[in-house]
Amino acid sequence: MLCQVERTFALQCGPALAHLLGREDLPPERDLDRGFLLDVLEKIGPDCAEYALPVLIDFIDKEANTTNVMQALRLVQSFDQQIRERYQYVLAPLLKRIESQGESLK
């Protein structure tokens, strides 16, 4: 539903979606499509950077699904450099590790 609504409504749901993206304790029967959460955060775009960036960094670090990792990386790269710089000591080593694993950052 959120992928179909206007961006202004998605903006209101952004913090809750970022929270869900970071949850690791959901039972398996809750088959949460994390790609869907990323789709909505992408719809919100750089306006979600303040609350989503720490969650995205942790998500990228732990996620096994390469498609989701690449989608999260694209979202992080769309954020303002000034906001990303606050996390430079965590983000830079993570990006290097992904590059060394052969993932394209484009």
N, C-alpha and C. Protein backbone atom coordinates (compact mmCIF):
# COMPACT_ATOMS: atom_id res chain seq x y z
N MET A 1 0.81 -1.18 0.00
CA MET A 1 0.00 0.00 0.00
C MET A 1 0.86 1.26 0.00
N LEU A 2 1.92 1.29 0.81
CA LEU A 2 2.74 2.49 0.92
C LEU A 2 3.44 2.83 -0.39
N CYS A 3 3.73 1.84 -1.20
CA CYS A 3 4.36 2.13 -2.49
C CYS A 3 3.41 2.84 -3.43
N GLN A 4 2.12 2.71 -3.17
CA GLN A 4 1.11 3.30 -4.04
C GLN A 4 0.66 4.68 -3.58
N VAL A 5 0.97 5.05 -2.34
CA VAL A 5 0.49 6.33 -1.81
C VAL A 5 1.42 7.47 -2.18
N GLU A 6 0.94 8.66 -1.96
CA GLU A 6 1.76 9.83 -2.23
C GLU A 6 2.94 9.90 -1.27
N ARG A 7 3.96 10.59 -1.71
CA ARG A 7 5.18 10.72 -0.92
C ARG A 7 4.91 11.36 0.44
N THR A 8 3.99 12.30 0.50
CA THR A 8 3.72 12.99 1.77
C THR A 8 3.22 12.02 2.83
N PHE A 9 2.44 11.03 2.43
CA PHE A 9 1.98 10.02 3.39
C PHE A 9 3.13 9.10 3.77
N ALA A 10 3.94 8.72 2.80
CA ALA A 10 5.09 7.86 3.08
C ALA A 10 6.04 8.54 4.06
N LEU A 11 6.20 9.85 3.94
CA LEU A 11 7.05 10.60 4.87
C LEU A 11 6.63 10.40 6.31
N GLN A 12 5.34 10.36 6.55
CA GLN A 12 4.83 10.19 7.91
C GLN A 12 5.14 8.81 8.47
N CYS A 13 5.27 7.83 7.61
CA CYS A 13 5.53 6.44 8.03
C CYS A 13 7.02 6.11 8.09
N GLY A 14 7.86 6.99 7.57
CA GLY A 14 9.29 6.71 7.46
C GLY A 14 9.98 6.23 8.72
N PRO A 15 9.83 6.92 9.85
CA PRO A 15 10.50 6.45 11.07
C PRO A 15 10.09 5.03 11.49
N ALA A 16 8.81 4.72 11.36
CA ALA A 16 8.35 3.37 11.71
C ALA A 16 8.93 2.33 10.75
N LEU A 17 9.02 2.67 9.47
CA LEU A 17 9.59 1.74 8.49
C LEU A 17 11.07 1.51 8.75
N ALA A 18 11.79 2.57 9.09
CA ALA A 18 13.21 2.43 9.41
C ALA A 18 13.37 1.53 10.64
N HIS A 19 12.50 1.71 11.61
CA HIS A 19 12.54 0.87 12.81
C HIS A 19 12.33 -0.61 12.44
N LEU A 20 11.33 -0.87 11.62
CA LEU A 20 11.07 -2.25 11.20
C LEU A 20 12.24 -2.84 10.42
N LEU A 21 12.87 -2.01 9.59
CA LEU A 21 14.02 -2.48 8.81
C LEU A 21 15.14 -2.95 9.74
N GLY A 22 15.29 -2.30 10.86
CA GLY A 22 16.35 -2.64 11.79
C GLY A 22 16.03 -3.77 12.74
N ARG A 23 14.80 -4.22 12.76
CA ARG A 23 14.40 -5.28 13.69
C ARG A 23 14.95 -6.62 13.24
N GLU A 24 15.62 -7.29 14.13
CA GLU A 24 16.14 -8.62 13.84
C GLU A 24 15.41 -9.70 14.62
N ASP A 25 14.57 -9.29 15.53
CA ASP A 25 13.92 -10.23 16.44
C ASP A 25 12.53 -10.66 16.01
N LEU A 26 12.17 -10.35 14.77
CA LEU A 26 10.84 -10.75 14.31
C LEU A 26 10.84 -12.25 14.03
N PRO A 27 9.78 -12.95 14.44
CA PRO A 27 9.72 -14.40 14.20
C PRO A 27 9.66 -14.70 12.70
N PRO A 28 10.17 -15.87 12.30
CA PRO A 28 10.21 -16.24 10.87
C PRO A 28 8.84 -16.20 10.20
N GLU A 29 7.78 -16.50 10.93
CA GLU A 29 6.45 -16.49 10.32
C GLU A 29 6.00 -15.08 9.94
N ARG A 30 6.73 -14.08 10.36
CA ARG A 30 6.41 -12.69 10.03
C ARG A 30 7.05 -12.28 8.72
N ASP A 31 7.47 -13.15 7.92
CA ASP A 31 8.10 -12.96 6.62
C ASP A 31 8.03 -11.51 6.12
N LEU A 32 8.83 -10.67 6.71
CA LEU A 32 8.87 -9.25 6.39
C LEU A 32 9.74 -9.01 5.16
N ASP A 33 9.17 -8.40 4.14
CA ASP A 33 9.90 -8.10 2.92
C ASP A 33 10.69 -6.81 3.13
N ARG A 34 11.95 -6.93 3.46
CA ARG A 34 12.78 -5.76 3.73
C ARG A 34 13.00 -4.92 2.47
N GLY A 35 12.93 -5.55 1.31
CA GLY A 35 13.02 -4.81 0.05
C GLY A 35 11.87 -3.83 -0.09
N PHE A 36 10.69 -4.22 0.39
CA PHE A 36 9.54 -3.33 0.36
C PHE A 36 9.79 -2.11 1.24
N LEU A 37 10.34 -2.33 2.43
CA LEU A 37 10.64 -1.21 3.32
C LEU A 37 11.64 -0.26 2.67
N LEU A 38 12.63 -0.82 1.99
CA LEU A 38 13.61 0.00 1.29
C LEU A 38 12.96 0.78 0.15
N ASP A 39 12.00 0.16 -0.54
CA ASP A 39 11.29 0.85 -1.62
C ASP A 39 10.63 2.12 -1.11
N VAL A 40 9.98 2.02 0.05
CA VAL A 40 9.28 3.18 0.59
C VAL A 40 10.28 4.22 1.09
N LEU A 41 11.36 3.79 1.71
CA LEU A 41 12.39 4.75 2.14
C LEU A 41 13.00 5.45 0.93
N GLU A 42 13.15 4.73 -0.17
CA GLU A 42 13.64 5.37 -1.41
C GLU A 42 12.64 6.40 -1.90
N LYS A 43 11.37 6.12 -1.76
CA LYS A 43 10.33 7.07 -2.16
C LYS A 43 10.46 8.35 -1.34
N ILE A 44 10.77 8.20 -0.07
CA ILE A 44 10.96 9.35 0.81
C ILE A 44 12.24 10.08 0.42
N GLY A 45 13.27 9.31 0.08
CA GLY A 45 14.53 9.89 -0.37
C GLY A 45 15.36 10.50 0.74
N PRO A 46 16.15 11.51 0.42
CA PRO A 46 17.07 12.10 1.39
C PRO A 46 16.41 12.66 2.65
N ASP A 47 15.11 12.89 2.61
CA ASP A 47 14.43 13.39 3.80
C ASP A 47 14.43 12.39 4.96
N CYS A 48 14.73 11.14 4.68
CA CYS A 48 14.75 10.14 5.75
C CYS A 48 16.15 9.92 6.31
N ALA A 49 17.12 10.65 5.81
CA ALA A 49 18.51 10.42 6.18
C ALA A 49 18.76 10.52 7.69
N GLU A 50 18.21 11.51 8.33
CA GLU A 50 18.48 11.73 9.76
C GLU A 50 18.15 10.51 10.61
N TYR A 51 17.03 9.87 10.35
CA TYR A 51 16.64 8.73 11.18
C TYR A 51 16.97 7.38 10.54
N ALA A 52 17.13 7.33 9.23
CA ALA A 52 17.33 6.04 8.57
C ALA A 52 18.80 5.66 8.41
N LEU A 53 19.70 6.63 8.37
CA LEU A 53 21.09 6.29 8.09
C LEU A 53 21.71 5.31 9.09
N PRO A 54 21.55 5.50 10.39
CA PRO A 54 22.12 4.50 11.30
C PRO A 54 21.54 3.10 11.09
N VAL A 55 20.25 3.02 10.82
CA VAL A 55 19.60 1.73 10.57
C VAL A 55 20.13 1.12 9.28
N LEU A 56 20.27 1.93 8.25
CA LEU A 56 20.77 1.43 6.96
C LEU A 56 22.20 0.93 7.06
N ILE A 57 23.03 1.60 7.82
CA ILE A 57 24.41 1.15 8.00
C ILE A 57 24.43 -0.23 8.65
N ASP A 58 23.65 -0.40 9.70
CA ASP A 58 23.57 -1.70 10.36
C ASP A 58 22.97 -2.75 9.43
N PHE A 59 21.95 -2.37 8.69
CA PHE A 59 21.30 -3.29 7.74
C PHE A 59 22.30 -3.76 6.68
N ILE A 60 23.05 -2.83 6.11
CA ILE A 60 24.03 -3.18 5.08
C ILE A 60 25.09 -4.12 5.64
N ASP A 61 25.47 -3.88 6.87
CA ASP A 61 26.49 -4.70 7.51
C ASP A 61 26.03 -6.14 7.73
N LYS A 62 24.74 -6.33 7.99
CA LYS A 62 24.25 -7.65 8.39
C LYS A 62 23.43 -8.39 7.34
N GLU A 63 22.91 -7.68 6.35
CA GLU A 63 22.00 -8.28 5.37
C GLU A 63 22.72 -9.23 4.43
N ALA A 64 22.08 -10.37 4.18
CA ALA A 64 22.66 -11.37 3.28
C ALA A 64 22.16 -11.21 1.84
N ASN A 65 21.02 -10.60 1.65
CA ASN A 65 20.43 -10.44 0.32
C ASN A 65 21.16 -9.31 -0.42
N THR A 66 21.92 -9.67 -1.44
CA THR A 66 22.72 -8.70 -2.19
C THR A 66 21.87 -7.61 -2.83
N THR A 67 20.71 -7.96 -3.33
CA THR A 67 19.82 -6.97 -3.94
C THR A 67 19.42 -5.92 -2.92
N ASN A 68 19.06 -6.36 -1.72
CA ASN A 68 18.69 -5.42 -0.66
C ASN A 68 19.88 -4.55 -0.25
N VAL A 69 21.05 -5.15 -0.18
CA VAL A 69 22.26 -4.39 0.19
C VAL A 69 22.52 -3.30 -0.84
N MET A 70 22.44 -3.63 -2.11
CA MET A 70 22.70 -2.65 -3.16
C MET A 70 21.65 -1.54 -3.14
N GLN A 71 20.40 -1.90 -2.88
CA GLN A 71 19.34 -0.90 -2.80
C GLN A 71 19.59 0.04 -1.61
N ALA A 72 19.98 -0.52 -0.49
CA ALA A 72 20.28 0.30 0.69
C ALA A 72 21.49 1.20 0.44
N LEU A 73 22.49 0.69 -0.26
CA LEU A 73 23.67 1.51 -0.59
C LEU A 73 23.29 2.68 -1.49
N ARG A 74 22.45 2.44 -2.47
CA ARG A 74 22.01 3.53 -3.35
C ARG A 74 21.29 4.61 -2.54
N LEU A 75 20.47 4.18 -1.60
CA LEU A 75 19.75 5.13 -0.77
C LEU A 75 20.72 5.95 0.08
N VAL A 76 21.67 5.28 0.70
CA VAL A 76 22.68 5.97 1.52
C VAL A 76 23.44 6.98 0.66
N GLN A 77 23.80 6.59 -0.55
CA GLN A 77 24.56 7.48 -1.42
C GLN A 77 23.74 8.67 -1.90
N SER A 78 22.41 8.58 -1.80
CA SER A 78 21.57 9.71 -2.20
C SER A 78 21.48 10.77 -1.10
N PHE A 79 21.95 10.43 0.08
CA PHE A 79 21.89 11.36 1.20
C PHE A 79 22.98 12.42 1.05
N ASP A 80 22.72 13.56 1.63
CA ASP A 80 23.65 14.68 1.61
C ASP A 80 24.99 14.27 2.24
N GLN A 81 26.07 14.71 1.62
CA GLN A 81 27.41 14.38 2.10
C GLN A 81 27.61 14.81 3.55
N GLN A 82 27.05 15.93 3.92
CA GLN A 82 27.21 16.44 5.29
C GLN A 82 26.61 15.46 6.31
N ILE A 83 25.50 14.86 5.99
CA ILE A 83 24.88 13.89 6.90
C ILE A 83 25.70 12.60 6.92
N ARG A 84 26.13 12.14 5.75
CA ARG A 84 26.94 10.91 5.70
C ARG A 84 28.26 11.09 6.43
N GLU A 85 28.80 12.30 6.41
CA GLU A 85 30.09 12.54 7.05
C GLU A 85 30.05 12.29 8.55
N ARG A 86 28.91 12.48 9.17
CA ARG A 86 28.77 12.22 10.60
C ARG A 86 29.04 10.76 10.94
N TYR A 87 28.87 9.90 9.96
CA TYR A 87 29.04 8.46 10.15
C TYR A 87 30.27 7.93 9.41
N GLN A 88 31.17 8.81 9.06
CA GLN A 88 32.31 8.43 8.21
C GLN A 88 33.15 7.30 8.80
N TYR A 89 33.32 7.25 10.12
CA TYR A 89 34.17 6.23 10.72
C TYR A 89 33.53 4.86 10.75
N VAL A 90 32.25 4.81 10.54
CA VAL A 90 31.55 3.54 10.45
C VAL A 90 31.27 3.19 8.98
N LEU A 91 30.90 4.19 8.23
CA LEU A 91 30.50 3.98 6.85
C LEU A 91 31.68 3.66 5.93
N ALA A 92 32.78 4.35 6.08
CA ALA A 92 33.94 4.12 5.19
C ALA A 92 34.46 2.69 5.26
N PRO A 93 34.70 2.12 6.45
CA PRO A 93 35.17 0.73 6.47
C PRO A 93 34.14 -0.26 5.91
N LEU A 94 32.88 0.04 6.13
CA LEU A 94 31.83 -0.84 5.60
C LEU A 94 31.84 -0.83 4.08
N LEU A 95 31.95 0.35 3.49
CA LEU A 95 31.99 0.46 2.03
C LEU A 95 33.24 -0.22 1.46
N LYS A 96 34.36 -0.08 2.14
CA LYS A 96 35.59 -0.76 1.68
C LYS A 96 35.42 -2.27 1.72
N ARG A 97 34.81 -2.76 2.78
CA ARG A 97 34.60 -4.21 2.89
C ARG A 97 33.72 -4.71 1.77
N ILE A 98 32.67 -3.99 1.45
CA ILE A 98 31.78 -4.40 0.38
C ILE A 98 32.50 -4.34 -0.96
N GLU A 99 33.27 -3.30 -1.19
CA GLU A 99 34.05 -3.21 -2.44
C GLU A 99 35.02 -4.38 -2.55
N SER A 100 35.65 -4.74 -1.45
CA SER A 100 36.62 -5.83 -1.49
C SER A 100 35.94 -7.18 -1.73
N GLN A 101 34.66 -7.25 -1.43
CA GLN A 101 33.90 -8.47 -1.70
C GLN A 101 33.42 -8.53 -3.15
N GLY A 102 33.74 -7.47 -3.90
CA GLY A 102 33.40 -7.47 -5.32
C GLY A 102 32.06 -6.85 -5.65
N GLU A 103 31.41 -6.19 -4.69
CA GLU A 103 30.12 -5.57 -4.96
C GLU A 103 30.35 -4.23 -5.66
N SER A 104 29.54 -3.94 -6.65
CA SER A 104 29.58 -2.66 -7.33
C SER A 104 28.77 -1.65 -6.55
N LEU A 105 29.30 -0.46 -6.36
CA LEU A 105 28.58 0.58 -5.64
C LEU A 105 27.78 1.48 -6.57
N LYS A 106 27.67 1.10 -7.80
CA LYS A 106 26.93 1.92 -8.76
C LYS A 106 25.52 1.48 -8.91
